[in-house]
């Protein structure tokens, strides 16, 4: 049997004692108890310097689950900062699950009140769990339990502070493998006697506001888990879990007491942490700080993923700019990588050359050179290696086309133009390019830097433009590629 106990916060002394008594009853009755410290229902999100305090109460939505046989709700404290209507609406959310309240609430069974006894709050917690177990079986509240004797020794704050310190050190110094940050929490928990715990996140953050409350998704993903004292490894297909089956997954049908923590950032719900209950959990601010650390790691992991994605996009943009220097063209004439002309510089000087020297009896020789292996070099060996390959090609072109106008018009393409007095210069350039290409292929290295090229020669015509000559040369290069 699984009983949920909905309370406010461990920093409330009365709540802390209530939990101690409830845990003792759960052990005596051999049932699983789940503590949900979701703090307070707020009338709005205008809570001074803590505008997102309302997010904590989203934790209570996990109690709307087929995993629970009954719920015990401390409605007086939970609703102490809200209106009566808000309290009523809150209780109605759990329709279909037996609900017992700790104080009188119209329409709901109330647990037996506790008289003026020693450790009154502990006794109330004990009574509440006993009443809930009986109610599930008989649909009525039983006679009050006899007063209990409680022996509870508080765990020193220093002990729990050392746990937080250890977690923080490992996280802040990145003492974990990639994507293994969440295992820090479950691993240290196991080291400190917590044999069942887990960090569960949604595949995307879910907006939750007081005006537009979230709807708990049907599925959540386990990022790390310890179940029955064993660290659990999940294959990709087993990471997904129904949110209705969280408790049964971690309890495996065995009696236990669990505490849940809500993970959120700003207006967004991101997941849940579950931990087996030990006495030290109720040390003031321990559990809140632990949950905050998990939230911080979740946020950091998200930022790192976004940074990685942005970096990939920047590389794509860099490659795109390299293929089409449309932005760089407006900055200057020089190619930032080779030191020669860029697209803008090439076209500016090519037009000037044609205007000045391409007259009757002259021949224009236009060459296109394509580095067909550049993309593969970038992919396999990185952009720095690709840049070196580009510079190497630029050196070859300076040798072959010395005194000509050439430039890198795209990331992996060069263009050359020259004006000749006699016909036939194109053939000698093809032979020289063939020779240099062979040398390039024989360069020692981890990859092949291969060029494809087209050299075309044009006699002067009145209406022949640079655009037309480049187009024909480019089409000839495509035909060459198609025949290879």
Protein backbone atom coordinates (compact mmCIF):
# COMPACT_ATOMS: atom_id res chain seq x y z
CA UNK A 1 0.00 0.00 0.00
CA UNK A 2 1.23 3.51 -0.89
CA UNK A 3 0.17 6.52 1.19
CA UNK A 4 1.05 10.09 0.19
CA UNK A 5 1.67 12.76 2.83
CA UNK A 6 1.32 16.32 1.48
CA UNK A 7 3.02 18.88 3.72
CA UNK A 8 4.67 22.30 3.49
CA UNK A 9 8.39 22.38 4.35
CA UNK A 10 10.93 20.64 6.56
CA UNK A 11 11.95 23.95 8.12
CA UNK A 12 8.63 23.99 10.01
CA UNK A 13 9.29 22.23 13.35
CA UNK A 14 5.73 20.91 13.57
CA UNK A 15 5.92 19.48 10.05
CA UNK A 16 9.26 17.85 10.81
CA UNK A 17 7.74 16.10 13.85
CA UNK A 18 4.67 15.15 11.85
CA UNK A 19 6.91 13.36 9.33
CA UNK A 20 8.81 11.53 12.08
CA UNK A 21 5.57 10.14 13.48
CA UNK A 22 4.22 9.26 10.03
CA UNK A 23 7.41 7.38 9.14
CA UNK A 24 7.18 5.32 12.35
CA UNK A 25 3.58 4.37 11.55
CA UNK A 26 4.54 3.40 7.98
CA UNK A 27 7.18 1.06 9.38
CA UNK A 28 4.78 -0.42 11.94
CA UNK A 29 2.03 -0.93 9.34
CA UNK A 30 4.49 -2.14 6.67
CA UNK A 31 3.35 0.32 4.00
CA UNK A 32 5.15 2.75 1.68
CA UNK A 33 4.91 6.40 2.67
CA UNK A 34 5.68 9.20 0.21
CA UNK A 35 6.35 12.69 1.59
CA UNK A 36 5.63 15.61 -0.75
CA UNK A 37 6.89 18.91 0.76
CA UNK A 38 5.31 21.22 -1.81
CA UNK A 39 5.20 24.28 0.48
CA UNK A 40 2.18 26.58 0.07
CA UNK A 41 -0.69 27.30 -2.26
CA UNK A 42 -0.37 30.97 -3.23
CA UNK A 43 -3.16 33.19 -4.44
CA UNK A 44 -0.82 34.70 -7.05
CA UNK A 45 2.84 34.76 -7.93
CA UNK A 46 3.54 38.17 -6.41
CA UNK A 47 5.50 36.89 -3.45
CA UNK A 48 7.96 39.72 -2.85
CA UNK A 49 11.54 38.81 -3.61
CA UNK A 50 10.54 35.19 -4.33
CA UNK A 51 8.27 35.48 -7.36
CA UNK A 52 8.42 31.77 -8.21
CA UNK A 53 7.54 30.27 -4.83
CA UNK A 54 4.25 29.08 -6.31
CA UNK A 55 6.24 26.58 -8.40
CA UNK A 56 6.89 24.38 -5.37
CA UNK A 57 3.22 23.41 -5.11
CA UNK A 58 3.46 21.78 -8.54
CA UNK A 59 5.06 18.91 -6.59
CA UNK A 60 1.60 18.07 -5.24
CA UNK A 61 0.47 17.21 -8.77
CA UNK A 62 2.61 14.07 -8.61
CA UNK A 63 0.17 12.81 -5.95
CA UNK A 64 -2.51 12.61 -8.66
CA UNK A 65 -1.29 9.15 -9.54
CA UNK A 66 -2.59 5.59 -9.63
CA UNK A 67 0.44 4.75 -7.48
CA UNK A 68 -1.35 6.14 -4.40
CA UNK A 69 -4.00 4.29 -2.41
CA UNK A 70 -4.74 7.33 -0.22
CA UNK A 71 -3.48 10.83 0.52
CA UNK A 72 -3.05 12.65 3.81
CA UNK A 73 -3.13 16.42 3.31
CA UNK A 74 -2.05 19.08 5.80
CA UNK A 75 -4.47 21.51 4.19
CA UNK A 76 -4.44 24.07 7.01
CA UNK A 77 -0.72 24.76 6.59
CA UNK A 78 -0.59 24.22 2.83
CA UNK A 79 -3.46 26.66 2.32
CA UNK A 80 -2.48 29.15 5.03
CA UNK A 81 -1.44 31.74 2.43
CA UNK A 82 -4.45 31.35 0.13
CA UNK A 83 -8.20 31.79 0.14
CA UNK A 84 -10.80 29.19 1.18
CA UNK A 85 -11.82 28.81 -2.46
CA UNK A 86 -8.23 28.05 -3.40
CA UNK A 87 -8.07 25.36 -0.72
CA UNK A 88 -11.27 23.77 -1.95
CA UNK A 89 -10.07 23.82 -5.55
CA UNK A 90 -6.78 22.27 -4.44
CA UNK A 91 -8.48 19.35 -2.69
CA UNK A 92 -10.77 18.72 -5.65
CA UNK A 93 -7.70 18.05 -7.82
CA UNK A 94 -7.35 14.65 -6.14
CA UNK A 95 -10.81 13.40 -7.00
CA UNK A 96 -10.75 9.63 -7.39
CA UNK A 97 -8.13 9.09 -4.66
CA UNK A 98 -9.19 8.77 -0.99
CA UNK A 99 -8.17 12.00 0.78
CA UNK A 100 -7.85 12.46 4.54
CA UNK A 101 -7.16 15.87 6.04
CA UNK A 102 -5.31 16.60 9.27
CA UNK A 103 -7.86 19.27 10.25
CA UNK A 104 -11.62 19.50 9.72
CA UNK A 105 -12.50 20.24 6.10
CA UNK A 106 -16.06 20.03 4.81
CA UNK A 107 -16.59 17.10 2.47
CA UNK A 108 -13.46 15.18 3.50
CA UNK A 109 -12.78 12.66 6.27
CA UNK A 110 -10.48 14.00 8.97
CA UNK A 111 -7.99 11.90 10.90
CA UNK A 112 -8.58 11.37 14.59
CA UNK A 113 -7.55 14.42 16.60
CA UNK A 114 -4.75 14.02 19.10
CA UNK A 115 -5.26 15.12 22.68
CA UNK A 116 -2.84 16.99 24.86
CA UNK A 117 -0.05 14.45 24.76
CA UNK A 118 3.70 14.61 24.66
CA UNK A 119 5.13 14.93 21.13
CA UNK A 120 1.71 15.94 19.82
CA UNK A 121 2.81 16.52 16.20
CA UNK A 122 4.60 13.17 16.04
CA UNK A 123 1.50 11.48 17.44
CA UNK A 124 -0.66 13.20 14.83
CA UNK A 125 1.60 11.96 12.03
CA UNK A 126 1.43 8.44 13.42
CA UNK A 127 -2.35 8.61 13.82
CA UNK A 128 -2.83 9.97 10.30
CA UNK A 129 -1.01 7.08 8.63
CA UNK A 130 -2.80 4.47 10.75
CA UNK A 131 -6.16 6.04 9.93
CA UNK A 132 -5.34 6.17 6.21
CA UNK A 133 -4.38 2.49 6.10
CA UNK A 134 -7.63 1.52 7.86
CA UNK A 135 -9.67 3.84 5.67
CA UNK A 136 -8.33 2.30 2.45
CA UNK A 137 -9.44 -1.13 3.66
CA UNK A 138 -12.75 -0.19 5.33
CA UNK A 139 -13.82 3.24 3.99
CA UNK A 140 -14.27 4.58 7.54
CA UNK A 141 -12.04 6.28 10.09
CA UNK A 142 -11.03 3.83 12.86
CA UNK A 143 -10.91 4.47 16.60
CA UNK A 144 -7.90 6.52 17.65
CA UNK A 145 -4.59 4.76 18.16
CA UNK A 146 -3.03 4.55 21.58
CA UNK A 147 -0.34 7.17 22.26
CA UNK A 148 3.08 6.13 21.04
CA UNK A 149 6.56 6.57 22.42
CA UNK A 150 8.94 8.16 19.94
CA UNK A 151 12.69 7.94 20.07
CA UNK A 152 14.34 10.22 17.58
CA UNK A 153 17.87 11.51 17.59
CA UNK A 154 18.41 14.44 15.29
CA UNK A 155 21.26 14.15 12.83
CA UNK A 156 23.80 16.95 13.39
CA UNK A 157 23.68 19.69 10.76
CA UNK A 158 27.42 19.27 10.22
CA UNK A 159 26.89 15.72 8.94
CA UNK A 160 24.41 16.79 6.26
CA UNK A 161 26.48 19.87 5.45
CA UNK A 162 29.42 17.59 4.67
CA UNK A 163 27.22 15.69 2.19
CA UNK A 164 26.27 18.93 0.44
CA UNK A 165 29.91 19.98 0.44
CA UNK A 166 30.98 16.72 -1.19
CA UNK A 167 28.29 17.00 -3.87
CA UNK A 168 29.16 20.63 -4.54
CA UNK A 169 32.88 19.94 -4.84
CA UNK A 170 32.42 17.14 -7.37
CA UNK A 171 30.01 19.23 -9.43
CA UNK A 172 31.84 22.54 -9.35
CA UNK A 173 35.12 20.87 -10.29
CA UNK A 174 33.49 18.75 -13.00
CA UNK A 175 34.61 15.49 -11.38
CA UNK A 176 32.37 13.39 -13.58
CA UNK A 177 32.22 12.02 -17.09
CA UNK A 178 30.15 13.71 -19.76
CA UNK A 179 26.40 13.27 -19.12
CA UNK A 180 27.16 11.61 -15.75
CA UNK A 181 26.53 14.59 -13.47
CA UNK A 182 23.26 13.24 -12.08
CA UNK A 183 24.97 10.06 -10.96
CA UNK A 184 26.90 12.20 -8.46
CA UNK A 185 23.69 12.58 -6.43
CA UNK A 186 22.57 8.97 -6.50
CA UNK A 187 26.13 7.74 -5.95
CA UNK A 188 26.74 9.89 -2.88
CA UNK A 189 23.27 9.03 -1.62
CA UNK A 190 24.12 5.34 -1.84
CA UNK A 191 27.38 6.02 -0.01
CA UNK A 192 25.34 7.59 2.81
CA UNK A 193 22.85 4.76 3.14
CA UNK A 194 20.17 5.88 0.66
CA UNK A 195 19.46 2.69 -1.29
CA UNK A 196 16.70 4.13 -3.47
CA UNK A 197 16.92 7.48 -5.23
CA UNK A 198 16.72 9.04 -8.67
CA UNK A 199 16.77 12.18 -10.77
CA UNK A 200 14.00 12.42 -13.37
CA UNK A 201 13.66 15.13 -16.01
CA UNK A 202 11.24 15.99 -18.77
CA UNK A 203 12.56 16.00 -22.31
CA UNK A 204 11.78 19.72 -22.43
CA UNK A 205 10.94 22.39 -19.89
CA UNK A 206 7.23 22.95 -19.26
CA UNK A 207 5.88 26.44 -18.63
CA UNK A 208 3.90 26.80 -15.42
CA UNK A 209 2.34 30.05 -14.20
CA UNK A 210 -0.43 30.88 -11.75
CA UNK A 211 -2.54 32.08 -14.66
CA UNK A 212 -1.73 29.12 -16.91
CA UNK A 213 -0.94 26.14 -14.66
CA UNK A 214 1.00 23.27 -16.13
CA UNK A 215 -0.38 19.84 -16.90
CA UNK A 216 1.79 17.05 -15.57
CA UNK A 217 3.01 15.10 -18.62
CA UNK A 218 2.38 11.39 -18.90
CA UNK A 219 6.07 10.56 -19.23
CA UNK A 220 9.36 11.54 -17.64
CA UNK A 221 12.96 10.43 -18.24
CA UNK A 222 15.23 8.86 -15.62
CA UNK A 223 18.67 10.49 -15.69
CA UNK A 224 20.15 8.40 -12.88
CA UNK A 225 18.80 5.93 -10.34
CA UNK A 226 19.68 3.65 -7.45
CA UNK A 227 17.06 0.98 -6.76
CA UNK A 228 17.43 -1.61 -4.03
CA UNK A 229 21.00 -0.50 -3.37
CA UNK A 230 22.08 -1.03 -6.99
CA UNK A 231 23.00 1.69 -9.45
CA UNK A 232 20.74 1.12 -12.43
CA UNK A 233 21.91 1.47 -16.02
CA UNK A 234 19.26 2.20 -18.59
CA UNK A 235 19.35 1.60 -22.30
CA UNK A 236 17.85 4.37 -24.41
CA UNK A 237 14.55 2.55 -24.66
CA UNK A 238 14.23 2.07 -20.88
CA UNK A 239 14.86 5.67 -19.81
CA UNK A 240 11.23 6.71 -20.25
CA UNK A 241 8.84 6.25 -17.33
CA UNK A 242 5.14 6.88 -16.81
CA UNK A 243 4.68 9.65 -14.24
CA UNK A 244 1.94 7.48 -12.70
CA UNK A 245 4.52 4.76 -11.98
CA UNK A 246 7.33 6.66 -10.28
CA UNK A 247 6.74 5.29 -6.77
CA UNK A 248 6.12 1.69 -7.84
CA UNK A 249 9.25 1.80 -10.00
CA UNK A 250 11.49 2.81 -7.10
CA UNK A 251 9.79 0.80 -4.33
CA UNK A 252 9.59 -2.44 -6.34
CA UNK A 253 6.73 -3.48 -4.09
CA UNK A 254 8.85 -3.27 -0.94
CA UNK A 255 8.03 -1.05 2.06
CA UNK A 256 9.85 2.25 2.17
CA UNK A 257 9.50 5.93 2.92
CA UNK A 258 10.31 8.35 0.13
CA UNK A 259 10.58 12.11 -0.17
CA UNK A 260 10.03 13.96 -3.44
CA UNK A 261 11.55 17.28 -4.55
CA UNK A 262 10.36 19.58 -7.33
CA UNK A 263 12.81 20.77 -9.99
CA UNK A 264 11.98 24.06 -11.69
CA UNK A 265 13.70 27.09 -13.21
CA UNK A 266 11.75 30.35 -13.26
CA UNK A 267 8.38 29.72 -14.91
CA UNK A 268 9.35 26.25 -16.08
CA UNK A 269 8.97 22.84 -14.49
CA UNK A 270 11.86 20.57 -15.47
CA UNK A 271 11.55 17.41 -13.38
CA UNK A 272 11.62 15.62 -10.08
CA UNK A 273 14.03 14.12 -7.55
CA UNK A 274 13.07 11.12 -5.44
CA UNK A 275 15.01 9.89 -2.42
CA UNK A 276 14.57 7.29 0.25
CA UNK A 277 13.85 9.06 3.53
CA UNK A 278 16.55 9.11 6.20
CA UNK A 279 16.55 11.15 9.39
CA UNK A 280 19.07 13.66 8.06
CA UNK A 281 16.73 14.72 5.22
CA UNK A 282 14.72 16.89 7.61
CA UNK A 283 17.74 18.92 8.75
CA UNK A 284 16.85 22.55 8.04
CA UNK A 285 17.50 23.59 4.41
CA UNK A 286 19.39 20.38 3.59
CA UNK A 287 16.84 18.97 1.17
CA UNK A 288 16.10 22.36 -0.41
CA UNK A 289 19.81 22.90 -1.01
CA UNK A 290 20.24 19.42 -2.46
CA UNK A 291 17.34 20.00 -4.84
CA UNK A 292 18.81 23.40 -5.76
CA UNK A 293 22.12 21.73 -6.65
CA UNK A 294 20.32 19.27 -8.90
CA UNK A 295 18.40 22.13 -10.48
CA UNK A 296 21.67 24.00 -11.05
CA UNK A 297 23.23 21.01 -12.77
CA UNK A 298 20.12 20.60 -14.93
CA UNK A 299 20.34 24.25 -15.92
CA UNK A 300 24.08 23.98 -16.58
CA UNK A 301 23.59 20.85 -18.70
CA UNK A 302 20.91 22.64 -20.69
CA UNK A 303 23.18 25.65 -21.23
CA UNK A 304 26.03 23.37 -22.29
CA UNK A 305 23.75 21.64 -24.81
CA UNK A 306 22.58 24.99 -26.12
CA UNK A 307 26.20 26.18 -26.33
CA UNK A 308 27.18 23.04 -28.22
CA UNK A 309 24.27 23.54 -30.59
CA UNK A 310 25.16 27.21 -31.05
CA UNK A 311 28.79 26.28 -31.70
CA UNK A 312 27.70 23.82 -34.38
CA UNK A 313 25.51 26.50 -35.92
CA UNK A 314 28.41 28.96 -35.87
CA UNK A 315 30.61 26.44 -37.65
CA UNK A 316 27.88 26.01 -40.25
CA UNK A 317 27.61 29.78 -40.66
CA UNK A 318 31.40 30.05 -40.86
CA UNK A 319 31.43 27.40 -43.56
CA UNK A 320 28.57 29.11 -45.35
CA UNK A 321 30.37 32.44 -45.19
CA UNK A 322 33.47 30.74 -46.47
CA UNK A 323 31.52 29.44 -49.45
CA UNK A 324 29.86 32.76 -50.08
CA UNK A 325 31.73 35.75 -48.69
CA UNK A 326 28.72 37.99 -49.22
CA UNK A 327 29.23 39.59 -45.78
CA UNK A 328 33.00 39.75 -45.85
CA UNK A 329 32.85 41.23 -49.35
CA UNK A 330 31.48 44.45 -47.86
CA UNK A 331 34.35 44.73 -45.39
CA UNK A 332 37.31 44.89 -47.78
CA UNK A 333 39.08 43.44 -50.81
CA UNK A 334 41.38 41.02 -49.01
CA UNK A 335 40.58 37.40 -48.26
CA UNK A 336 40.97 36.97 -44.49
CA UNK A 337 42.55 33.50 -44.86
CA UNK A 338 44.87 33.55 -47.88
CA UNK A 339 45.82 37.21 -47.84
CA UNK A 340 44.88 37.45 -51.54
CA UNK A 341 41.75 38.89 -53.07
CA UNK A 342 38.32 37.96 -51.79
CA UNK A 343 35.18 37.82 -53.95
CA UNK A 344 34.65 41.56 -53.89
CA UNK A 345 38.28 42.33 -54.59
CA UNK A 346 38.46 39.83 -57.46
CA UNK A 347 35.41 41.18 -59.26
CA UNK A 348 36.45 44.80 -58.76
CA UNK A 349 39.91 44.21 -60.26
CA UNK A 350 38.58 41.86 -62.96
CA UNK A 351 36.17 44.54 -64.23
CA UNK A 352 38.93 47.13 -64.22
CA UNK A 353 41.23 44.79 -66.14
CA UNK A 354 38.62 44.01 -68.80
CA UNK A 355 37.71 47.64 -69.20
CA UNK A 356 41.32 48.66 -69.61
CA UNK A 357 42.91 45.82 -71.62
CA UNK A 358 40.27 43.54 -73.17
CA UNK A 359 40.12 45.05 -76.64
CA UNK A 360 40.17 43.78 -80.24
CA UNK A 361 42.90 41.23 -80.82
CA UNK A 362 43.20 40.30 -77.18
CA UNK A 363 42.20 37.10 -75.40
CA UNK A 364 40.75 36.67 -71.95
CA UNK A 365 41.61 33.46 -70.06
CA UNK A 366 39.28 32.60 -67.18
CA UNK A 367 39.96 29.76 -64.74
CA UNK A 368 37.83 28.19 -62.03
CA UNK A 369 39.47 26.00 -59.35
CA UNK A 370 37.44 23.88 -56.95
CA UNK A 371 38.84 22.23 -53.80
CA UNK A 372 36.59 19.18 -53.89
CA UNK A 373 38.06 17.64 -50.73
CA UNK A 374 37.78 20.71 -48.44
CA UNK A 375 34.44 19.80 -46.91
CA UNK A 376 35.67 16.32 -46.03
CA UNK A 377 38.89 17.73 -44.54
CA UNK A 378 36.86 20.10 -42.35
CA UNK A 379 34.60 17.29 -41.19
CA UNK A 380 37.30 14.74 -40.44
CA UNK A 381 40.20 16.89 -39.27
CA UNK A 382 38.66 20.21 -38.23
CA UNK A 383 38.46 23.69 -39.71
CA UNK A 384 42.01 24.60 -38.73
CA UNK A 385 43.31 21.79 -40.92
CA UNK A 386 40.91 22.90 -43.66
CA UNK A 387 42.33 26.42 -43.43
CA UNK A 388 45.84 25.06 -43.92
CA UNK A 389 44.68 23.17 -47.00
CA UNK A 390 43.21 26.38 -48.45
CA UNK A 391 46.46 28.25 -47.85
CA UNK A 392 48.41 25.47 -49.57
CA UNK A 393 46.21 25.78 -52.67
CA UNK A 394 46.65 29.56 -52.64
CA UNK A 395 50.44 29.06 -52.76
CA UNK A 396 50.07 26.84 -55.84
CA UNK A 397 47.87 29.37 -57.60
CA UNK A 398 50.39 32.13 -56.95
CA UNK A 399 53.02 30.02 -58.70
CA UNK A 400 50.86 29.02 -61.67
CA UNK A 401 49.14 32.36 -62.18
CA UNK A 402 51.89 34.73 -61.17
CA UNK A 403 51.06 38.27 -62.27
CA UNK A 404 47.38 37.43 -62.90
CA UNK A 405 44.30 38.48 -60.99
CA UNK A 406 43.02 35.65 -58.82
CA UNK A 407 40.87 35.46 -55.69
CA UNK A 408 38.93 33.13 -53.42
CA UNK A 409 35.34 33.73 -54.46
CA UNK A 410 33.87 31.05 -52.21
CA UNK A 411 35.22 28.94 -49.37
CA UNK A 412 36.39 26.15 -51.63
CA UNK A 413 36.52 27.95 -55.02
CA UNK A 414 39.03 30.27 -56.67
CA UNK A 415 38.78 32.26 -59.89
CA UNK A 416 41.56 33.63 -62.12
CA UNK A 417 41.49 36.04 -65.06
CA UNK A 418 44.23 37.30 -67.37
CA UNK A 419 44.47 39.11 -70.71
CA UNK A 420 46.79 37.62 -73.33
CA UNK A 421 48.07 38.95 -76.65
CA UNK A 422 48.06 35.57 -78.36
CA UNK A 423 45.64 32.66 -78.53
CA UNK A 424 46.47 29.29 -76.87
CA UNK A 425 47.54 30.31 -73.38
CA UNK A 426 44.72 28.21 -71.88
CA UNK A 427 46.32 24.93 -72.92
CA UNK A 428 49.64 25.65 -71.22
CA UNK A 429 47.80 26.66 -68.05
CA UNK A 430 45.90 23.36 -68.06
CA UNK A 431 49.17 21.46 -68.32
CA UNK A 432 50.71 23.47 -65.48
CA UNK A 433 47.64 22.93 -63.28
CA UNK A 434 47.78 19.21 -64.01
CA UNK A 435 51.42 19.10 -62.93
CA UNK A 436 50.79 21.09 -59.74
CA UNK A 437 47.74 18.99 -58.91
CA UNK A 438 49.86 15.85 -59.11
CA UNK A 439 52.39 17.40 -56.70
CA UNK A 440 49.58 18.37 -54.36
CA UNK A 441 48.27 14.82 -54.32
CA UNK A 442 51.73 13.60 -53.32
CA UNK A 443 52.04 16.00 -50.39
CA UNK A 444 52.63 14.04 -47.15
CA UNK A 445 49.67 14.22 -44.80
CA UNK A 446 46.56 12.55 -43.44
CA UNK A 447 44.30 13.49 -46.34
CA UNK A 448 44.17 14.09 -50.09
CA UNK A 449 43.96 17.71 -51.19
CA UNK A 450 42.65 17.45 -54.74
CA UNK A 451 41.68 20.20 -57.19
CA UNK A 452 39.25 20.25 -60.06
CA UNK A 453 39.64 23.09 -62.53
CA UNK A 454 38.38 24.54 -65.77
CA UNK A 455 40.37 26.90 -68.03
CA UNK A 456 38.50 28.69 -70.80
CA UNK A 457 39.77 31.19 -73.39
CA UNK A 458 37.67 33.97 -74.96
CA UNK A 459 38.44 36.24 -77.89
CA UNK A 460 37.25 39.79 -77.63
CA UNK A 461 33.64 40.50 -78.57
CA UNK A 462 31.86 43.79 -78.09
CA UNK A 463 29.06 42.46 -75.90
CA UNK A 464 30.93 39.69 -74.08
CA UNK A 465 30.69 40.33 -70.33
CA UNK A 466 32.62 38.99 -67.37
CA UNK A 467 29.44 37.36 -66.11
CA UNK A 468 29.06 35.37 -69.33
CA UNK A 469 32.69 34.24 -69.32
CA UNK A 470 32.48 33.11 -65.70
CA UNK A 471 29.23 31.30 -66.38
CA UNK A 472 30.69 29.36 -69.30
CA UNK A 473 33.81 28.47 -67.30
CA UNK A 474 31.69 27.30 -64.38
CA UNK A 475 29.49 25.18 -66.66
CA UNK A 476 32.59 23.65 -68.20
CA UNK A 477 33.84 22.76 -64.71
CA UNK A 478 30.51 21.04 -63.98
CA UNK A 479 30.83 19.02 -67.17
CA UNK A 480 34.35 17.98 -66.16
CA UNK A 481 33.07 16.88 -62.74
CA UNK A 482 30.27 14.95 -64.40
CA UNK A 483 32.67 13.04 -66.61
CA UNK A 484 34.99 12.00 -63.76
